[in-house]
Amino acid sequence: MKRSTCTAIFATFLLTVVMHAASAQAVPSYDLRDITVGMPIGNLPNEGYVNLSCAGQPDRQLAAWSGWRDCPADEQGRRAVRFEFDPETSQDGTKVAGHPVLLTAVIDDNATVFGLTIQTDPKARLYIRKKAFLLGNQVKSRYGAEGWDCKEQQPSAGEQPVGGVFLREVCKKAIPGRMLTVERELFRKPDQDIKNFVDQTMVQITKQTN
């Protein structure tokens, strides 16, 4: 076999390996720290998580993940638990990719993590909150830039861009066992002043049921 042919074959093989590796990296092992949608809730450690409470009843505190059944169930029998990162293991607080966030885990009646919701904190300081829409890009990059189905909406009456940018976008992507939804908004409502505007990202990761 000629050397040029061998070189071409090796180059093709190397490209295939690199593309396979990139594809593998597009589906992280964990969705959030050591939480993966679809995992048994019993496999989730209590260490590293604090302030567990029922999402619909914040005054109902949970001592551990095992208390998830104390939260009210929705029509599908699923229960939502709010939680934060333990400051001892996360010195920057409850943040994802540098953004302060509100976190919710949804547990189904089979005691598995049916879904995760990651929402930028609307009470964050202005200089941080004004970058909240960027979390959506970071999430899409984490799960691979390809394969997203995105839809954008136009401004309603009186809504204005912020810094020349108007954004109301919903992107979806299916990965093995999970559906990803990223919603981003950046605009100013008619009654908001220069320091107030809508700027947020909400990420939902749910278990594929079919």
C-alpha atoms as a PDB file:
ATOM      1  CA  MET A   1       0.000   0.000   0.000  1.00  0.00           C
ATOM      2  CA  LYS A   2       1.357   3.406  -0.936  1.00  0.00           C
ATOM      3  CA  ARG A   3       2.428   5.718   1.840  1.00  0.00           C
ATOM      4  CA  SER A   4       0.016   8.448   0.663  1.00  0.00           C
ATOM      5  CA  THR A   5      -2.859   5.970   0.840  1.00  0.00           C
ATOM      6  CA  CYS A   6      -1.861   4.915   4.360  1.00  0.00           C
ATOM      7  CA  THR A   7      -1.646   8.559   5.394  1.00  0.00           C
ATOM      8  CA  ALA A   8      -5.111   9.256   4.002  1.00  0.00           C
ATOM      9  CA  ILE A   9      -6.574   6.237   5.794  1.00  0.00           C
ATOM     10  CA  PHE A  10      -4.935   7.257   9.080  1.00  0.00           C
ATOM     11  CA  ALA A  11      -6.191  10.829   8.708  1.00  0.00           C
ATOM     12  CA  THR A  12      -9.729   9.578   8.097  1.00  0.00           C
ATOM     13  CA  PHE A  13      -9.486   7.269  11.124  1.00  0.00           C
ATOM     14  CA  LEU A  14      -8.160  10.109  13.298  1.00  0.00           C
ATOM     15  CA  LEU A  15     -10.956  12.430  12.179  1.00  0.00           C
ATOM     16  CA  THR A  16     -13.517   9.756  13.010  1.00  0.00           C
ATOM     17  CA  VAL A  17     -12.038   9.317  16.490  1.00  0.00           C
ATOM     18  CA  VAL A  18     -12.023  13.076  17.101  1.00  0.00           C
ATOM     19  CA  MET A  19     -15.621  13.446  15.901  1.00  0.00           C
ATOM     20  CA  HIS A  20     -16.686  10.524  18.057  1.00  0.00           C
ATOM     21  CA  ALA A  21     -14.965  12.069  21.070  1.00  0.00           C
ATOM     22  CA  ALA A  22     -16.633  15.409  20.403  1.00  0.00           C
ATOM     23  CA  SER A  23     -19.985  13.691  20.118  1.00  0.00           C
ATOM     24  CA  ALA A  24     -19.405  11.871  23.387  1.00  0.00           C
ATOM     25  CA  GLN A  25     -18.513  15.145  25.100  1.00  0.00           C
ATOM     26  CA  ALA A  26     -21.794  16.644  23.895  1.00  0.00           C
ATOM     27  CA  VAL A  27     -23.699  14.339  26.282  1.00  0.00           C
ATOM     28  CA  PRO A  28     -22.281  14.952  29.774  1.00  0.00           C
ATOM     29  CA  SER A  29     -22.357  12.178  32.334  1.00  0.00           C
ATOM     30  CA  TYR A  30     -24.159  14.437  34.797  1.00  0.00           C
ATOM     31  CA  ASP A  31     -26.692  17.191  34.231  1.00  0.00           C
ATOM     32  CA  LEU A  32     -25.958  19.137  37.413  1.00  0.00           C
ATOM     33  CA  ARG A  33     -23.111  18.236  39.729  1.00  0.00           C
ATOM     34  CA  ASP A  34     -23.826  14.573  40.575  1.00  0.00           C
ATOM     35  CA  ILE A  35     -27.477  14.706  39.505  1.00  0.00           C
ATOM     36  CA  THR A  36     -28.568  13.092  36.248  1.00  0.00           C
ATOM     37  CA  VAL A  37     -32.157  13.097  35.078  1.00  0.00           C
ATOM     38  CA  GLY A  38     -33.415   9.515  35.216  1.00  0.00           C
ATOM     39  CA  MET A  39     -31.285   8.436  38.169  1.00  0.00           C
ATOM     40  CA  PRO A  40     -32.853   6.933  41.338  1.00  0.00           C
ATOM     41  CA  ILE A  41     -33.279   9.619  43.967  1.00  0.00           C
ATOM     42  CA  GLY A  42     -31.812   7.170  46.496  1.00  0.00           C
ATOM     43  CA  ASN A  43     -28.457   7.420  44.695  1.00  0.00           C
ATOM     44  CA  LEU A  44     -28.235  11.161  45.255  1.00  0.00           C
ATOM     45  CA  PRO A  45     -25.998  12.068  48.212  1.00  0.00           C
ATOM     46  CA  ASN A  46     -27.179  14.542  50.825  1.00  0.00           C
ATOM     47  CA  GLU A  47     -23.696  16.009  51.097  1.00  0.00           C
ATOM     48  CA  GLY A  48     -23.308  19.163  49.031  1.00  0.00           C
ATOM     49  CA  TYR A  49     -26.974  20.177  49.113  1.00  0.00           C
ATOM     50  CA  VAL A  50     -28.829  22.326  51.653  1.00  0.00           C
ATOM     51  CA  ASN A  51     -32.147  24.113  52.223  1.00  0.00           C
ATOM     52  CA  LEU A  52     -34.282  21.415  50.653  1.00  0.00           C
ATOM     53  CA  SER A  53     -37.949  22.366  50.610  1.00  0.00           C
ATOM     54  CA  CYS A  54     -41.149  21.687  48.713  1.00  0.00           C
ATOM     55  CA  ALA A  55     -41.316  23.933  45.655  1.00  0.00           C
ATOM     56  CA  GLY A  56     -45.018  24.625  46.120  1.00  0.00           C
ATOM     57  CA  GLN A  57     -44.720  25.031  49.907  1.00  0.00           C
ATOM     58  CA  PRO A  58     -41.353  26.675  50.724  1.00  0.00           C
ATOM     59  CA  ASP A  59     -42.075  26.586  54.455  1.00  0.00           C
ATOM     60  CA  ARG A  60     -42.084  22.774  54.343  1.00  0.00           C
ATOM     61  CA  GLN A  61     -38.412  21.980  54.856  1.00  0.00           C
ATOM     62  CA  LEU A  62     -36.883  18.571  54.142  1.00  0.00           C
ATOM     63  CA  ALA A  63     -34.053  17.151  56.199  1.00  0.00           C
ATOM     64  CA  ALA A  64     -32.771  15.036  53.292  1.00  0.00           C
ATOM     65  CA  TRP A  65     -33.646  13.923  49.768  1.00  0.00           C
ATOM     66  CA  SER A  66     -35.388  10.906  51.292  1.00  0.00           C
ATOM     67  CA  GLY A  67     -38.190  13.218  52.469  1.00  0.00           C
ATOM     68  CA  TRP A  68     -39.320  14.041  48.924  1.00  0.00           C
ATOM     69  CA  ARG A  69     -42.650  12.237  49.403  1.00  0.00           C
ATOM     70  CA  ASP A  70     -43.577  14.863  52.015  1.00  0.00           C
ATOM     71  CA  CYS A  71     -44.071  17.346  49.161  1.00  0.00           C
ATOM     72  CA  PRO A  72     -47.444  17.567  47.411  1.00  0.00           C
ATOM     73  CA  ALA A  73     -47.797  15.621  44.171  1.00  0.00           C
ATOM     74  CA  ASP A  74     -49.031  17.068  40.899  1.00  0.00           C
ATOM     75  CA  GLU A  75     -51.546  15.379  38.591  1.00  0.00           C
ATOM     76  CA  GLN A  76     -48.825  13.033  37.302  1.00  0.00           C
ATOM     77  CA  GLY A  77     -47.754  12.044  40.800  1.00  0.00           C
ATOM     78  CA  ARG A  78     -44.529  14.058  40.599  1.00  0.00           C
ATOM     79  CA  ARG A  79     -43.103  16.106  43.442  1.00  0.00           C
ATOM     80  CA  ALA A  80     -40.904  19.206  43.113  1.00  0.00           C
ATOM     81  CA  VAL A  81     -38.080  19.906  45.567  1.00  0.00           C
ATOM     82  CA  ARG A  82     -36.180  23.186  45.707  1.00  0.00           C
ATOM     83  CA  PHE A  83     -32.560  23.017  46.822  1.00  0.00           C
ATOM     84  CA  GLU A  84     -29.313  24.950  47.062  1.00  0.00           C
ATOM     85  CA  PHE A  85     -25.624  24.127  47.018  1.00  0.00           C
ATOM     86  CA  ASP A  86     -23.921  23.807  50.380  1.00  0.00           C
ATOM     87  CA  PRO A  87     -21.619  26.836  50.912  1.00  0.00           C
ATOM     88  CA  GLU A  88     -19.007  24.484  52.349  1.00  0.00           C
ATOM     89  CA  THR A  89     -18.662  22.758  48.973  1.00  0.00           C
ATOM     90  CA  SER A  90     -19.582  25.733  46.792  1.00  0.00           C
ATOM     91  CA  GLN A  91     -17.956  28.879  48.116  1.00  0.00           C
ATOM     92  CA  ASP A  92     -19.553  30.986  45.377  1.00  0.00           C
ATOM     93  CA  GLY A  93     -23.047  29.957  46.450  1.00  0.00           C
ATOM     94  CA  THR A  94     -25.728  28.366  44.308  1.00  0.00           C
ATOM     95  CA  LYS A  95     -24.393  29.159  40.860  1.00  0.00           C
ATOM     96  CA  VAL A  96     -24.233  27.440  37.493  1.00  0.00           C
ATOM     97  CA  ALA A  97     -21.534  28.640  35.098  1.00  0.00           C
ATOM     98  CA  GLY A  98     -21.113  31.723  37.278  1.00  0.00           C
ATOM     99  CA  HIS A  99     -24.817  32.650  37.298  1.00  0.00           C
ATOM    100  CA  PRO A 100     -26.834  32.715  40.543  1.00  0.00           C
ATOM    101  CA  VAL A 101     -29.702  30.281  40.029  1.00  0.00           C
ATOM    102  CA  LEU A 102     -32.832  28.781  41.533  1.00  0.00           C
ATOM    103  CA  LEU A 103     -32.828  24.980  41.407  1.00  0.00           C
ATOM    104  CA  THR A 104     -35.688  22.495  41.408  1.00  0.00           C
ATOM    105  CA  ALA A 105     -35.639  18.713  41.139  1.00  0.00           C
ATOM    106  CA  VAL A 106     -38.797  16.869  40.104  1.00  0.00           C
ATOM    107  CA  ILE A 107     -39.133  13.315  41.393  1.00  0.00           C
ATOM    108  CA  ASP A 108     -41.662  10.885  39.923  1.00  0.00           C
ATOM    109  CA  ASP A 109     -43.616   8.155  41.683  1.00  0.00           C
ATOM    110  CA  ASN A 110     -40.939   5.620  40.713  1.00  0.00           C
ATOM    111  CA  ALA A 111     -38.498   7.513  42.958  1.00  0.00           C
ATOM    112  CA  THR A 112     -36.381   8.692  40.039  1.00  0.00           C
ATOM    113  CA  VAL A 113     -35.344  12.209  39.067  1.00  0.00           C
ATOM    114  CA  PHE A 114     -37.852  13.034  36.346  1.00  0.00           C
ATOM    115  CA  GLY A 115     -36.550  16.533  35.729  1.00  0.00           C
ATOM    116  CA  LEU A 116     -34.380  19.471  36.683  1.00  0.00           C
ATOM    117  CA  THR A 117     -35.176  23.171  36.381  1.00  0.00           C
ATOM    118  CA  ILE A 118     -32.374  25.723  36.456  1.00  0.00           C
ATOM    119  CA  GLN A 119     -33.554  29.327  36.478  1.00  0.00           C
ATOM    120  CA  THR A 120     -31.442  32.454  36.776  1.00  0.00           C
ATOM    121  CA  ASP A 121     -32.134  34.290  40.015  1.00  0.00           C
ATOM    122  CA  PRO A 122     -34.200  37.450  39.346  1.00  0.00           C
ATOM    123  CA  LYS A 123     -32.954  38.903  42.643  1.00  0.00           C
ATOM    124  CA  ALA A 124     -29.281  38.759  41.669  1.00  0.00           C
ATOM    125  CA  ARG A 125     -27.343  42.002  41.570  1.00  0.00           C
ATOM    126  CA  LEU A 126     -27.883  44.042  38.443  1.00  0.00           C
ATOM    127  CA  TYR A 127     -24.344  43.667  37.068  1.00  0.00           C
ATOM    128  CA  ILE A 128     -24.757  39.873  37.251  1.00  0.00           C
ATOM    129  CA  ARG A 129     -28.419  39.682  36.300  1.00  0.00           C
ATOM    130  CA  LYS A 130     -27.896  41.650  33.080  1.00  0.00           C
ATOM    131  CA  LYS A 131     -25.847  38.693  31.787  1.00  0.00           C
ATOM    132  CA  ALA A 132     -28.462  36.083  32.694  1.00  0.00           C
ATOM    133  CA  PHE A 133     -29.435  35.428  29.073  1.00  0.00           C
ATOM    134  CA  LEU A 134     -25.895  34.177  28.394  1.00  0.00           C
ATOM    135  CA  LEU A 135     -26.467  31.075  30.546  1.00  0.00           C
ATOM    136  CA  GLY A 136     -28.579  29.681  27.720  1.00  0.00           C
ATOM    137  CA  ASN A 137     -25.602  29.777  25.370  1.00  0.00           C
ATOM    138  CA  GLN A 138     -23.416  28.060  27.944  1.00  0.00           C
ATOM    139  CA  VAL A 139     -25.938  25.257  28.393  1.00  0.00           C
ATOM    140  CA  LYS A 140     -26.283  24.746  24.639  1.00  0.00           C
ATOM    141  CA  SER A 141     -22.515  24.593  24.317  1.00  0.00           C
ATOM    142  CA  ARG A 142     -22.281  22.021  27.123  1.00  0.00           C
ATOM    143  CA  TYR A 143     -24.680  19.674  25.358  1.00  0.00           C
ATOM    144  CA  GLY A 144     -23.294  20.323  21.884  1.00  0.00           C
ATOM    145  CA  ALA A 145     -24.058  23.222  19.566  1.00  0.00           C
ATOM    146  CA  GLU A 146     -25.683  21.029  16.906  1.00  0.00           C
ATOM    147  CA  GLY A 147     -29.219  19.691  16.842  1.00  0.00           C
ATOM    148  CA  TRP A 148     -31.091  22.476  18.622  1.00  0.00           C
ATOM    149  CA  ASP A 149     -34.532  23.428  17.336  1.00  0.00           C
ATOM    150  CA  CYS A 150     -34.944  27.120  18.182  1.00  0.00           C
ATOM    151  CA  LYS A 151     -37.946  29.397  17.768  1.00  0.00           C
ATOM    152  CA  GLU A 152     -37.875  33.161  18.302  1.00  0.00           C
ATOM    153  CA  GLN A 153     -40.786  35.476  19.049  1.00  0.00           C
ATOM    154  CA  GLN A 154     -41.164  39.070  17.950  1.00  0.00           C
ATOM    155  CA  PRO A 155     -41.710  41.946  20.412  1.00  0.00           C
ATOM    156  CA  SER A 156     -45.224  42.600  21.648  1.00  0.00           C
ATOM    157  CA  ALA A 157     -46.636  46.113  21.643  1.00  0.00           C
ATOM    158  CA  GLY A 158     -44.350  48.511  23.493  1.00  0.00           C
ATOM    159  CA  GLU A 159     -41.598  46.019  24.277  1.00  0.00           C
ATOM    160  CA  GLN A 160     -38.124  47.322  23.550  1.00  0.00           C
ATOM    161  CA  PRO A 161     -34.663  45.824  23.130  1.00  0.00           C
ATOM    162  CA  VAL A 162     -32.029  46.214  25.823  1.00  0.00           C
ATOM    163  CA  GLY A 163     -28.708  47.497  24.522  1.00  0.00           C
ATOM    164  CA  GLY A 164     -29.987  46.956  21.007  1.00  0.00           C
ATOM    165  CA  VAL A 165     -30.873  43.303  21.674  1.00  0.00           C
ATOM    166  CA  PHE A 166     -34.356  41.787  21.871  1.00  0.00           C
ATOM    167  CA  LEU A 167     -34.500  38.119  22.767  1.00  0.00           C
ATOM    168  CA  ARG A 168     -37.372  35.764  23.400  1.00  0.00           C
ATOM    169  CA  GLU A 169     -36.186  32.332  22.374  1.00  0.00           C
ATOM    170  CA  VAL A 170     -37.108  28.715  23.069  1.00  0.00           C
ATOM    171  CA  CYS A 171     -34.685  25.962  22.016  1.00  0.00           C
ATOM    172  CA  LYS A 172     -35.185  22.214  22.345  1.00  0.00           C
ATOM    173  CA  LYS A 173     -32.903  19.260  21.853  1.00  0.00           C
ATOM    174  CA  ALA A 174     -33.305  15.533  22.450  1.00  0.00           C
ATOM    175  CA  ILE A 175     -30.379  13.533  23.788  1.00  0.00           C
ATOM    176  CA  PRO A 176     -30.378   9.887  24.896  1.00  0.00           C
ATOM    177  CA  GLY A 177     -32.994   9.542  27.632  1.00  0.00           C
ATOM    178  CA  ARG A 178     -33.556  13.272  28.064  1.00  0.00           C
ATOM    179  CA  MET A 179     -35.201  16.317  26.519  1.00  0.00           C
ATOM    180  CA  LEU A 180     -33.531  19.701  26.929  1.00  0.00           C
ATOM    181  CA  THR A 181     -35.421  22.999  26.819  1.00  0.00           C
ATOM    182  CA  VAL A 182     -33.659  26.363  27.047  1.00  0.00           C
ATOM    183  CA  GLU A 183     -35.745  29.530  27.278  1.00  0.00           C
ATOM    184  CA  ARG A 184     -34.057  32.940  27.095  1.00  0.00           C
ATOM    185  CA  GLU A 185     -35.521  36.430  27.397  1.00  0.00           C
ATOM    186  CA  LEU A 186     -33.978  39.876  27.151  1.00  0.00           C
ATOM    187  CA  PHE A 187     -36.206  42.923  26.663  1.00  0.00           C
ATOM    188  CA  ARG A 188     -37.742  45.888  28.444  1.00  0.00           C
ATOM    189  CA  LYS A 189     -41.457  46.091  29.144  1.00  0.00           C
ATOM    190  CA  PRO A 190     -43.293  49.353  28.365  1.00  0.00           C
ATOM    191  CA  ASP A 191     -43.555  50.338  32.052  1.00  0.00           C
ATOM    192  CA  GLN A 192     -39.936  49.592  33.024  1.00  0.00           C
ATOM    193  CA  ASP A 193     -37.277  52.240  33.542  1.00  0.00           C
ATOM    194  CA  ILE A 194     -33.698  52.135  32.301  1.00  0.00           C
ATOM    195  CA  LYS A 195     -32.460  49.972  35.202  1.00  0.00           C
ATOM    196  CA  ASN A 196     -35.265  47.440  35.013  1.00  0.00           C
ATOM    197  CA  PHE A 197     -35.759  44.860  32.310  1.00  0.00           C
ATOM    198  CA  VAL A 198     -36.493  41.191  31.709  1.00  0.00           C
ATOM    199  CA  ASP A 199     -33.268  39.195  31.479  1.00  0.00           C
ATOM    200  CA  GLN A 200     -33.421  35.514  32.287  1.00  0.00           C
ATOM    201  CA  THR A 201     -32.679  31.952  31.279  1.00  0.00           C
ATOM    202  CA  MET A 202     -34.670  28.894  32.277  1.00  0.00           C
ATOM    203  CA  VAL A 203     -33.327  25.420  31.570  1.00  0.00           C
ATOM    204  CA  GLN A 204     -35.495  22.324  31.876  1.00  0.00           C
ATOM    205  CA  ILE A 205     -34.095  18.813  31.566  1.00  0.00           C
ATOM    206  CA  THR A 206     -36.756  16.114  31.587  1.00  0.00           C
ATOM    207  CA  LYS A 207     -36.768  12.365  31.239  1.00  0.00           C
ATOM    208  CA  GLN A 208     -37.879  10.949  27.896  1.00  0.00           C
ATOM    209  CA  THR A 209     -40.978   8.874  28.522  1.00  0.00           C
ATOM    210  CA  ASN A 210     -41.284   7.207  25.116  1.00  0.00           C
END
